[in-house]
Amino acid sequence: MAEQAPGAEEPVPMMQQLLDSPFLLLLIGVALPTVLYIIWGVMEVVAIPVAQ
């Protein structure tokens, strides 16, 4: 493995930036289940048979 110059920095990978951000993780942890439950609820409502 080659040594880097003292001033040269590698770019931080996107996934590492995501996992290092607690507020972004909190937002994803709240938004994703909310969206999934909304989609699930819409699917359940659509599946209700129409009354005669």
N, C-alpha and C. Protein backbone atom coordinates (compact mmCIF):
# COMPACT_ATOMS: atom_id res chain seq x y z
N MET A 1 0.84 -1.17 0.00
CA MET A 1 0.00 0.00 0.00
C MET A 1 0.88 1.24 0.00
N ALA A 2 0.57 2.18 -0.88
CA ALA A 2 1.42 3.35 -1.04
C ALA A 2 1.11 4.39 0.03
N GLU A 3 2.16 5.08 0.45
CA GLU A 3 1.99 6.17 1.42
C GLU A 3 1.43 7.39 0.70
N GLN A 4 0.56 8.12 1.38
CA GLN A 4 0.01 9.34 0.81
C GLN A 4 0.79 10.54 1.31
N ALA A 5 0.75 11.58 0.52
CA ALA A 5 1.37 12.82 0.94
C ALA A 5 0.58 13.38 2.13
N PRO A 6 1.22 14.10 3.03
CA PRO A 6 0.52 14.60 4.22
C PRO A 6 -0.70 15.46 3.92
N GLY A 7 -0.70 16.22 2.83
CA GLY A 7 -1.81 17.11 2.52
C GLY A 7 -2.92 16.44 1.71
N ALA A 8 -2.65 15.27 1.13
CA ALA A 8 -3.63 14.62 0.25
C ALA A 8 -4.64 13.85 1.09
N GLU A 9 -5.91 14.15 0.89
CA GLU A 9 -6.98 13.45 1.61
C GLU A 9 -7.89 12.75 0.62
N GLU A 10 -8.29 11.53 0.95
CA GLU A 10 -9.23 10.80 0.10
C GLU A 10 -10.63 11.34 0.35
N PRO A 11 -11.48 11.34 -0.68
CA PRO A 11 -12.87 11.76 -0.43
C PRO A 11 -13.58 10.73 0.45
N VAL A 12 -14.45 11.22 1.34
CA VAL A 12 -15.17 10.33 2.25
C VAL A 12 -16.30 9.67 1.46
N PRO A 13 -16.40 8.35 1.50
CA PRO A 13 -17.46 7.66 0.77
C PRO A 13 -18.85 8.08 1.25
N MET A 14 -19.82 8.06 0.34
CA MET A 14 -21.17 8.52 0.66
C MET A 14 -21.79 7.69 1.78
N MET A 15 -21.60 6.38 1.76
CA MET A 15 -22.20 5.53 2.78
C MET A 15 -21.62 5.84 4.17
N GLN A 16 -20.35 6.16 4.23
CA GLN A 16 -19.74 6.53 5.51
C GLN A 16 -20.30 7.86 6.00
N GLN A 17 -20.52 8.81 5.11
CA GLN A 17 -21.13 10.09 5.50
C GLN A 17 -22.53 9.85 6.05
N LEU A 18 -23.28 8.95 5.41
CA LEU A 18 -24.63 8.64 5.88
C LEU A 18 -24.60 8.03 7.27
N LEU A 19 -23.73 7.06 7.49
CA LEU A 19 -23.68 6.37 8.77
C LEU A 19 -23.05 7.22 9.87
N ASP A 20 -22.35 8.28 9.51
CA ASP A 20 -21.75 9.18 10.51
C ASP A 20 -22.70 10.29 10.92
N SER A 21 -23.86 10.39 10.28
CA SER A 21 -24.79 11.49 10.54
C SER A 21 -25.99 10.98 11.34
N PRO A 22 -26.02 11.22 12.67
CA PRO A 22 -27.12 10.70 13.48
C PRO A 22 -28.48 11.30 13.12
N PHE A 23 -28.51 12.58 12.74
CA PHE A 23 -29.79 13.21 12.41
C PHE A 23 -30.34 12.67 11.10
N LEU A 24 -29.47 12.39 10.15
CA LEU A 24 -29.91 11.81 8.89
C LEU A 24 -30.42 10.39 9.12
N LEU A 25 -29.74 9.64 9.97
CA LEU A 25 -30.21 8.29 10.31
C LEU A 25 -31.56 8.35 11.01
N LEU A 26 -31.75 9.33 11.88
CA LEU A 26 -33.03 9.50 12.56
C LEU A 26 -34.12 9.83 11.55
N LEU A 27 -33.84 10.72 10.63
CA LEU A 27 -34.81 11.08 9.60
C LEU A 27 -35.19 9.87 8.76
N ILE A 28 -34.21 9.09 8.35
CA ILE A 28 -34.49 7.88 7.56
C ILE A 28 -35.28 6.88 8.39
N GLY A 29 -34.92 6.74 9.67
CA GLY A 29 -35.60 5.79 10.55
C GLY A 29 -37.04 6.15 10.84
N VAL A 30 -37.39 7.43 10.72
CA VAL A 30 -38.77 7.86 10.93
C VAL A 30 -39.52 7.88 9.59
N ALA A 31 -38.89 8.39 8.55
CA ALA A 31 -39.56 8.57 7.26
C ALA A 31 -39.84 7.25 6.56
N LEU A 32 -38.90 6.33 6.58
CA LEU A 32 -39.08 5.07 5.84
C LEU A 32 -40.25 4.25 6.37
N PRO A 33 -40.36 3.98 7.68
CA PRO A 33 -41.54 3.26 8.16
C PRO A 33 -42.84 4.01 7.90
N THR A 34 -42.81 5.35 8.01
CA THR A 34 -44.01 6.14 7.75
C THR A 34 -44.49 5.95 6.32
N VAL A 35 -43.58 6.04 5.38
CA VAL A 35 -43.93 5.87 3.97
C VAL A 35 -44.42 4.45 3.72
N LEU A 36 -43.75 3.47 4.30
CA LEU A 36 -44.17 2.07 4.09
C LEU A 36 -45.55 1.81 4.67
N TYR A 37 -45.85 2.35 5.85
CA TYR A 37 -47.18 2.16 6.45
C TYR A 37 -48.25 2.87 5.64
N ILE A 38 -47.94 4.03 5.09
CA ILE A 38 -48.91 4.73 4.24
C ILE A 38 -49.21 3.90 2.99
N ILE A 39 -48.17 3.38 2.36
CA ILE A 39 -48.36 2.54 1.17
C ILE A 39 -49.15 1.29 1.53
N TRP A 40 -48.81 0.67 2.66
CA TRP A 40 -49.52 -0.53 3.11
C TRP A 40 -51.00 -0.20 3.36
N GLY A 41 -51.28 0.92 4.00
CA GLY A 41 -52.66 1.32 4.27
C GLY A 41 -53.44 1.58 3.00
N VAL A 42 -52.83 2.22 2.03
CA VAL A 42 -53.50 2.46 0.75
C VAL A 42 -53.80 1.13 0.06
N MET A 43 -52.87 0.20 0.11
CA MET A 43 -53.11 -1.11 -0.50
C MET A 43 -54.26 -1.84 0.20
N GLU A 44 -54.36 -1.72 1.51
CA GLU A 44 -55.45 -2.36 2.25
C GLU A 44 -56.79 -1.73 1.89
N VAL A 45 -56.84 -0.42 1.79
CA VAL A 45 -58.08 0.27 1.44
C VAL A 45 -58.53 -0.11 0.03
N VAL A 46 -57.60 -0.19 -0.90
CA VAL A 46 -57.92 -0.56 -2.27
C VAL A 46 -58.42 -2.01 -2.33
N ALA A 47 -57.95 -2.88 -1.43
CA ALA A 47 -58.33 -4.28 -1.46
C ALA A 47 -59.71 -4.54 -0.87
N ILE A 48 -60.34 -3.54 -0.23
CA ILE A 48 -61.68 -3.72 0.35
C ILE A 48 -62.69 -3.84 -0.78
N PRO A 49 -63.49 -4.90 -0.78
CA PRO A 49 -64.48 -5.04 -1.85
C PRO A 49 -65.57 -3.97 -1.78
N VAL A 50 -66.08 -3.60 -2.92
CA VAL A 50 -67.12 -2.57 -3.00
C VAL A 50 -68.44 -3.20 -2.55
N ALA A 51 -69.19 -2.49 -1.72
CA ALA A 51 -70.48 -3.00 -1.22
C ALA A 51 -71.52 -2.97 -2.33
N GLN A 52 -72.43 -3.93 -2.29
CA GLN A 52 -73.49 -4.01 -3.30
C GLN A 52 -74.77 -3.35 -2.81
